[in-house]
Protein backbone atom coordinates (compact mmCIF):
# COMPACT_ATOMS: atom_id res chain seq x y z
CA MET A 1 -26.94 -35.04 -78.14
CA LYS A 2 -26.08 -31.51 -77.01
CA LYS A 3 -23.92 -32.88 -74.20
CA ASN A 4 -22.03 -35.15 -76.63
CA ARG A 5 -21.50 -32.23 -78.99
CA LYS A 6 -20.02 -30.13 -76.18
CA MET A 7 -17.72 -32.97 -75.19
CA LEU A 8 -16.57 -33.38 -78.81
CA ILE A 9 -15.80 -29.65 -79.07
CA LYS A 10 -13.96 -29.77 -75.75
CA VAL A 11 -11.82 -32.71 -76.87
CA LEU A 12 -11.04 -31.17 -80.28
CA VAL A 13 -10.06 -27.82 -78.76
CA ALA A 14 -7.91 -29.61 -76.18
CA LEU A 15 -6.14 -31.63 -78.87
CA ALA A 16 -5.53 -28.51 -80.94
CA GLY A 17 -4.13 -26.66 -77.93
CA ILE A 18 -1.90 -29.57 -76.91
CA THR A 19 -0.61 -29.97 -80.47
CA LEU A 20 0.22 -26.26 -80.74
CA THR A 21 1.95 -26.20 -77.34
CA VAL A 22 4.04 -29.30 -78.07
CA ALA A 23 4.96 -28.00 -81.53
CA ILE A 24 6.22 -24.70 -80.10
CA LEU A 25 8.11 -26.26 -77.20
CA PHE A 26 9.67 -29.10 -79.16
CA PHE A 27 10.24 -27.78 -82.66
CA THR A 28 10.92 -24.03 -82.41
CA PRO A 29 14.06 -22.24 -81.17
CA LEU A 30 14.10 -20.84 -77.65
CA TRP A 31 12.60 -17.56 -78.82
CA GLY A 32 9.49 -19.50 -79.85
CA THR A 33 9.08 -20.69 -76.27
CA ALA A 34 9.69 -17.11 -75.10
CA ILE A 35 6.86 -15.87 -77.32
CA LEU A 36 4.56 -18.60 -75.96
CA VAL A 37 5.43 -17.73 -72.35
CA CYS A 38 5.01 -14.02 -73.08
CA ALA A 39 1.53 -14.64 -74.52
CA LEU A 40 0.50 -16.87 -71.60
CA SER A 41 1.75 -14.30 -69.09
CA ALA A 42 0.01 -11.34 -70.70
CA MET A 43 -3.29 -13.15 -71.28
CA GLY A 44 -3.24 -14.63 -67.79
CA CYS A 45 -2.58 -11.16 -66.36
CA TYR A 46 -5.56 -9.74 -68.25
CA GLU A 47 -7.83 -12.55 -67.07
CA LEU A 48 -6.86 -12.04 -63.43
CA LEU A 49 -7.57 -8.32 -63.56
CA VAL A 50 -10.43 -7.57 -65.97
CA PRO A 51 -12.99 -10.43 -65.96
CA THR A 52 -12.72 -10.65 -62.17
CA GLY A 53 -13.46 -6.94 -61.88
CA VAL A 54 -10.31 -6.37 -59.82
CA CYS A 55 -9.16 -3.62 -62.15
CA LYS A 56 -11.21 -2.08 -64.94
CA LYS A 57 -9.37 1.19 -65.54
CA PRO A 58 -7.32 1.05 -68.76
CA VAL A 59 -4.15 2.71 -67.41
CA PRO A 60 -3.28 0.18 -64.66
CA VAL A 61 -4.38 -2.71 -66.87
CA VAL A 62 -2.07 -1.64 -69.70
CA VAL A 63 0.83 -1.11 -67.27
CA CYS A 64 0.30 -4.59 -65.81
CA LEU A 65 0.03 -6.19 -69.25
CA LEU A 66 3.30 -4.59 -70.36
CA THR A 67 4.98 -5.72 -67.15
CA ALA A 68 3.70 -9.29 -67.50
CA ALA A 69 4.87 -9.42 -71.13
CA ALA A 70 8.30 -8.04 -70.20
CA VAL A 71 9.09 -10.59 -67.46
CA PRO A 72 9.68 -13.58 -69.80
CA TRP A 73 11.97 -11.51 -72.05
CA LEU A 74 14.05 -10.50 -69.06
CA ARG A 75 14.55 -14.20 -68.41
CA TYR A 76 15.26 -14.84 -72.08
CA PHE A 77 18.01 -12.18 -72.12
CA ASN A 78 19.46 -13.41 -68.79
CA ALA A 79 18.43 -10.24 -66.94
CA ALA A 80 15.72 -11.77 -64.79
CA GLU A 81 17.06 -11.05 -61.32
CA THR A 82 17.85 -7.34 -61.70
CA GLY A 83 15.16 -6.67 -64.28
CA THR A 84 12.32 -8.27 -62.35
CA LEU A 85 13.39 -6.48 -59.18
CA LEU A 86 13.32 -3.12 -60.98
CA LEU A 87 9.99 -3.92 -62.61
CA SER A 88 8.52 -4.83 -59.23
CA LEU A 89 9.77 -1.59 -57.73
CA CYS A 90 8.37 0.44 -60.61
CA LEU A 91 5.01 -1.34 -60.38
CA LEU A 92 4.85 -0.70 -56.64
CA VAL A 93 5.59 3.02 -57.12
CA PHE A 94 3.05 3.20 -59.95
CA ALA A 95 0.31 1.45 -57.95
CA PHE A 96 0.86 3.73 -54.94
CA GLY A 97 0.96 6.86 -57.08
CA TYR A 98 -2.05 5.91 -59.21
CA PHE A 99 -4.32 4.89 -56.35
CA ALA A 100 -3.30 7.93 -54.30
CA ALA A 101 -3.83 10.30 -57.24
CA THR A 102 -7.28 8.87 -57.96
CA GLY A 103 -8.36 8.92 -54.33
CA GLN A 104 -8.54 5.13 -53.93
CA TYR A 105 -7.24 4.81 -50.38
CA HIS A 106 -8.38 1.26 -49.63
CA GLU A 107 -6.71 -0.65 -52.44
CA SER A 108 -4.03 -2.74 -50.70
CA LYS A 109 -5.76 -5.94 -51.81
CA LYS A 110 -5.94 -4.64 -55.37
CA THR A 111 -2.21 -3.87 -55.29
CA ALA A 112 -1.54 -7.47 -54.25
CA TYR A 113 -3.60 -8.66 -57.23
CA LEU A 114 -1.60 -6.41 -59.54
CA PHE A 115 1.62 -8.04 -58.39
CA LEU A 116 0.14 -11.52 -58.62
CA ALA A 117 -1.02 -10.92 -62.19
CA ALA A 118 1.85 -8.82 -63.52
CA VAL A 119 4.88 -10.29 -61.73
CA ILE A 120 4.40 -13.49 -59.73
CA PHE A 121 2.71 -15.72 -62.29
CA PRO A 122 4.75 -14.39 -65.25
CA VAL A 123 7.86 -15.26 -63.21
CA PHE A 124 6.48 -18.79 -62.71
CA PHE A 125 5.74 -19.15 -66.43
CA SER A 126 9.15 -17.73 -67.43
CA LEU A 127 11.01 -20.45 -65.51
CA LEU A 128 10.17 -22.65 -68.48
CA LEU A 129 12.84 -20.76 -70.46
CA PRO A 130 15.95 -21.85 -68.50
CA VAL A 131 14.56 -25.39 -68.51
CA SER A 132 14.10 -25.29 -72.30
CA GLY A 133 17.54 -23.76 -72.83
CA GLY A 134 19.42 -26.39 -70.81
CA ASP A 135 20.54 -29.91 -71.62
CA ASN A 136 17.68 -32.00 -73.06
CA GLY A 137 15.63 -28.81 -72.74
CA ARG A 138 13.08 -29.58 -75.44
CA ARG A 139 12.06 -32.83 -73.78
CA LEU A 140 12.16 -31.41 -70.26
CA ALA A 141 9.93 -28.46 -71.22
CA LEU A 142 7.09 -30.89 -71.96
CA ILE A 143 7.14 -32.43 -68.47
CA PRO A 144 5.05 -29.88 -66.49
CA PHE A 145 2.33 -29.97 -69.15
CA ILE A 146 2.27 -33.78 -69.25
CA ALA A 147 2.19 -34.10 -65.46
CA ALA A 148 -0.47 -31.42 -64.94
CA TRP A 149 -2.78 -32.28 -67.82
CA SER A 150 -2.65 -36.04 -67.27
CA ALA A 151 -3.43 -35.43 -63.59
CA ASP A 152 -6.31 -33.09 -64.51
CA THR A 153 -7.77 -35.59 -66.95
CA CYS A 154 -7.61 -38.55 -64.57
CA ALA A 155 -8.94 -36.44 -61.69
CA GLN A 156 -11.91 -35.33 -63.75
CA PHE A 157 -12.90 -38.78 -64.97
CA GLY A 158 -11.99 -40.47 -61.68
CA GLY A 159 -14.15 -38.00 -59.79
CA LYS A 160 -17.11 -38.65 -62.05
CA LEU A 161 -16.76 -42.43 -61.72
CA PHE A 162 -15.79 -42.83 -58.07
CA GLY A 163 -16.27 -39.46 -56.39
CA LYS A 164 -18.16 -39.55 -53.09
CA HIS A 165 -16.24 -37.38 -50.63
CA LYS A 166 -15.89 -33.65 -51.30
CA LEU A 167 -12.33 -32.36 -51.39
CA ALA A 168 -12.93 -28.62 -50.98
CA PRO A 169 -16.69 -27.99 -51.15
CA HIS A 170 -16.47 -24.28 -50.36
CA ILE A 171 -14.03 -23.67 -53.21
CA SER A 172 -14.90 -26.24 -55.90
CA PRO A 173 -17.97 -28.38 -55.07
CA ASN A 174 -17.33 -30.85 -57.90
CA LYS A 175 -13.85 -31.90 -56.78
CA THR A 176 -13.62 -35.05 -54.67
CA VAL A 177 -11.02 -36.88 -52.65
CA GLU A 178 -11.36 -39.85 -54.97
CA GLY A 179 -10.79 -37.60 -58.00
CA PHE A 180 -7.72 -36.12 -56.31
CA CYS A 181 -6.28 -39.61 -55.74
CA CYS A 182 -6.97 -40.52 -59.37
CA GLY A 183 -5.17 -37.33 -60.35
CA LEU A 184 -2.10 -38.36 -58.35
CA ALA A 185 -2.12 -41.69 -60.16
CA GLY A 186 -2.66 -39.87 -63.46
CA GLY A 187 0.41 -37.71 -62.94
CA MET A 188 2.52 -40.81 -62.37
CA VAL A 189 0.98 -42.55 -65.39
CA GLY A 190 1.71 -39.51 -67.55
CA MET A 191 5.34 -39.55 -66.47
CA ALA A 192 5.53 -43.31 -67.04
CA ILE A 193 4.31 -42.87 -70.61
CA TYR A 194 6.80 -40.05 -71.08
CA GLY A 195 9.54 -42.36 -69.78
CA LEU A 196 8.55 -45.11 -72.19
CA VAL A 197 8.79 -42.69 -75.12
CA ILE A 198 12.24 -41.56 -73.95
CA HIS A 199 13.27 -45.21 -73.56
CA MET A 200 12.10 -45.98 -77.12
CA MET A 201 14.36 -43.15 -78.29
CA GLY A 202 17.30 -45.10 -76.88
CA ARG A 203 17.95 -43.01 -73.80
CA SER A 204 18.25 -44.07 -70.18
CA VAL A 205 15.24 -43.30 -68.01
CA PRO A 206 15.41 -42.32 -64.31
CA TRP A 207 12.15 -44.09 -63.50
CA LEU A 208 12.01 -43.39 -59.78
CA SER A 209 12.74 -39.70 -60.28
CA LEU A 210 10.13 -39.45 -63.02
CA LEU A 211 7.41 -41.15 -60.99
CA CYS A 212 8.17 -39.03 -57.92
CA PHE A 213 7.88 -35.89 -60.00
CA GLY A 214 4.60 -37.16 -61.46
CA LEU A 215 3.24 -37.57 -57.93
CA LEU A 216 4.47 -34.17 -56.71
CA GLY A 217 3.46 -32.45 -59.93
CA ALA A 218 -0.05 -33.88 -59.75
CA ALA A 219 -0.42 -32.69 -56.15
CA LEU A 220 0.71 -29.15 -57.04
CA ALA A 221 -1.49 -29.21 -60.15
CA ALA A 222 -4.48 -29.81 -57.88
CA VAL A 223 -3.37 -26.95 -55.63
CA GLY A 224 -3.13 -24.64 -58.65
CA ASP A 225 -6.56 -25.70 -59.84
CA LEU A 226 -8.07 -25.01 -56.41
CA PHE A 227 -6.23 -21.69 -56.09
CA PHE A 228 -7.71 -20.30 -59.28
CA SER A 229 -11.10 -21.82 -58.45
CA TYR A 230 -10.92 -19.87 -55.20
CA ILE A 231 -10.32 -16.64 -57.14
CA LYS A 232 -13.22 -17.36 -59.48
CA ARG A 233 -15.56 -18.15 -56.60
CA GLU A 234 -14.48 -15.01 -54.75
CA HIS A 235 -15.39 -12.87 -57.75
CA GLY A 236 -18.46 -14.84 -58.82
CA ILE A 237 -17.33 -15.96 -62.27
CA LYS A 238 -17.45 -19.41 -63.86
CA ASP A 239 -14.52 -18.97 -66.27
CA PHE A 240 -11.78 -16.39 -66.64
CA ALA A 241 -12.61 -15.94 -70.34
CA SER A 242 -14.55 -17.61 -73.14
CA PHE A 243 -12.34 -17.52 -76.23
CA MET A 244 -11.62 -21.27 -76.06
CA PRO A 245 -14.92 -23.10 -76.64
CA GLU A 246 -15.93 -25.34 -73.70
CA HIS A 247 -12.64 -24.53 -71.92
CA GLY A 248 -12.76 -20.86 -70.95
CA GLY A 249 -9.59 -18.82 -70.87
CA ILE A 250 -5.86 -19.32 -70.51
CA LEU A 251 -6.00 -19.58 -66.73
CA ASP A 252 -8.83 -22.10 -66.94
CA ARG A 253 -6.54 -24.43 -68.90
CA PHE A 254 -3.11 -23.54 -67.54
CA ASP A 255 -4.09 -23.04 -63.89
CA SER A 256 -2.47 -26.29 -62.82
CA VAL A 257 0.60 -25.90 -65.05
CA VAL A 258 1.49 -22.55 -63.43
CA PHE A 259 2.37 -24.29 -60.18
CA VAL A 260 4.17 -27.25 -61.75
CA ILE A 261 6.68 -25.21 -63.79
CA PRO A 262 8.51 -23.75 -60.75
CA LEU A 263 8.47 -27.22 -59.18
CA LEU A 264 10.24 -28.58 -62.26
CA TYR A 265 12.79 -25.75 -62.16
CA VAL A 266 13.71 -26.54 -58.55
CA TYR A 267 13.47 -30.33 -59.00
CA LEU A 268 16.02 -30.30 -61.79
CA ARG A 269 18.54 -28.70 -59.44
CA PHE A 270 18.65 -31.94 -57.45
CA PHE A 271 17.36 -34.76 -59.66
CA THR A 272 17.56 -35.98 -63.26
CA LEU A 273 14.42 -36.47 -65.33
CA ALA A 274 15.64 -37.12 -68.87
């Protein structure tokens, strides 16, 4: 009974989160997407630094949060290249000055985490903005979420039903090769369903391109999932946060999407998806 209750809560929270994400991406102006990306970037930055214990001092945490929140707005105002470069330089100078001033002389790894949390992943998230602002942007912005989450769902259930061979036992003991293969199929199925919806709207569908992206997106979604699992295992935590019942934090739910968004940005330079 308790297990069924947890599953029900997990499903309801997932549906609520998906509905909110789709509503923002599809029905609000571009600034609505910018606010979403800003929130994801800042919350993800916090989760990478504080719950992991990488950085507990308020000053560097606040600086990193402000940097992570600023990156999407630089993209929104078409100042991403120069602005992000200057932010990176300022963050590097700050990290060096702060750690030197506080006598922390062995913090090169921590500095790398600061950049990962405050710059790299916000840059990945912010690439959703040029996608959303382009032709057919509202529909295209949904693609990384569909590919990643359909892959995650099929990988999870496929692993439970068919899983026998461990995929990466030292990082995530529950993930299996069979689950990974089901996830690849799930990414393609998700894109196929997306294509059917587009077709019902009376638009032409590049089926081969869609299915190929579903396959590639599912593979990168699995890489993103394993990457963040590696960070959690390294720091001995189960979830990055606990504000979403039965799901954890932002990075626990968007870990796979982070890697699929930049793939979509590059993919659209060469292929058509909608």
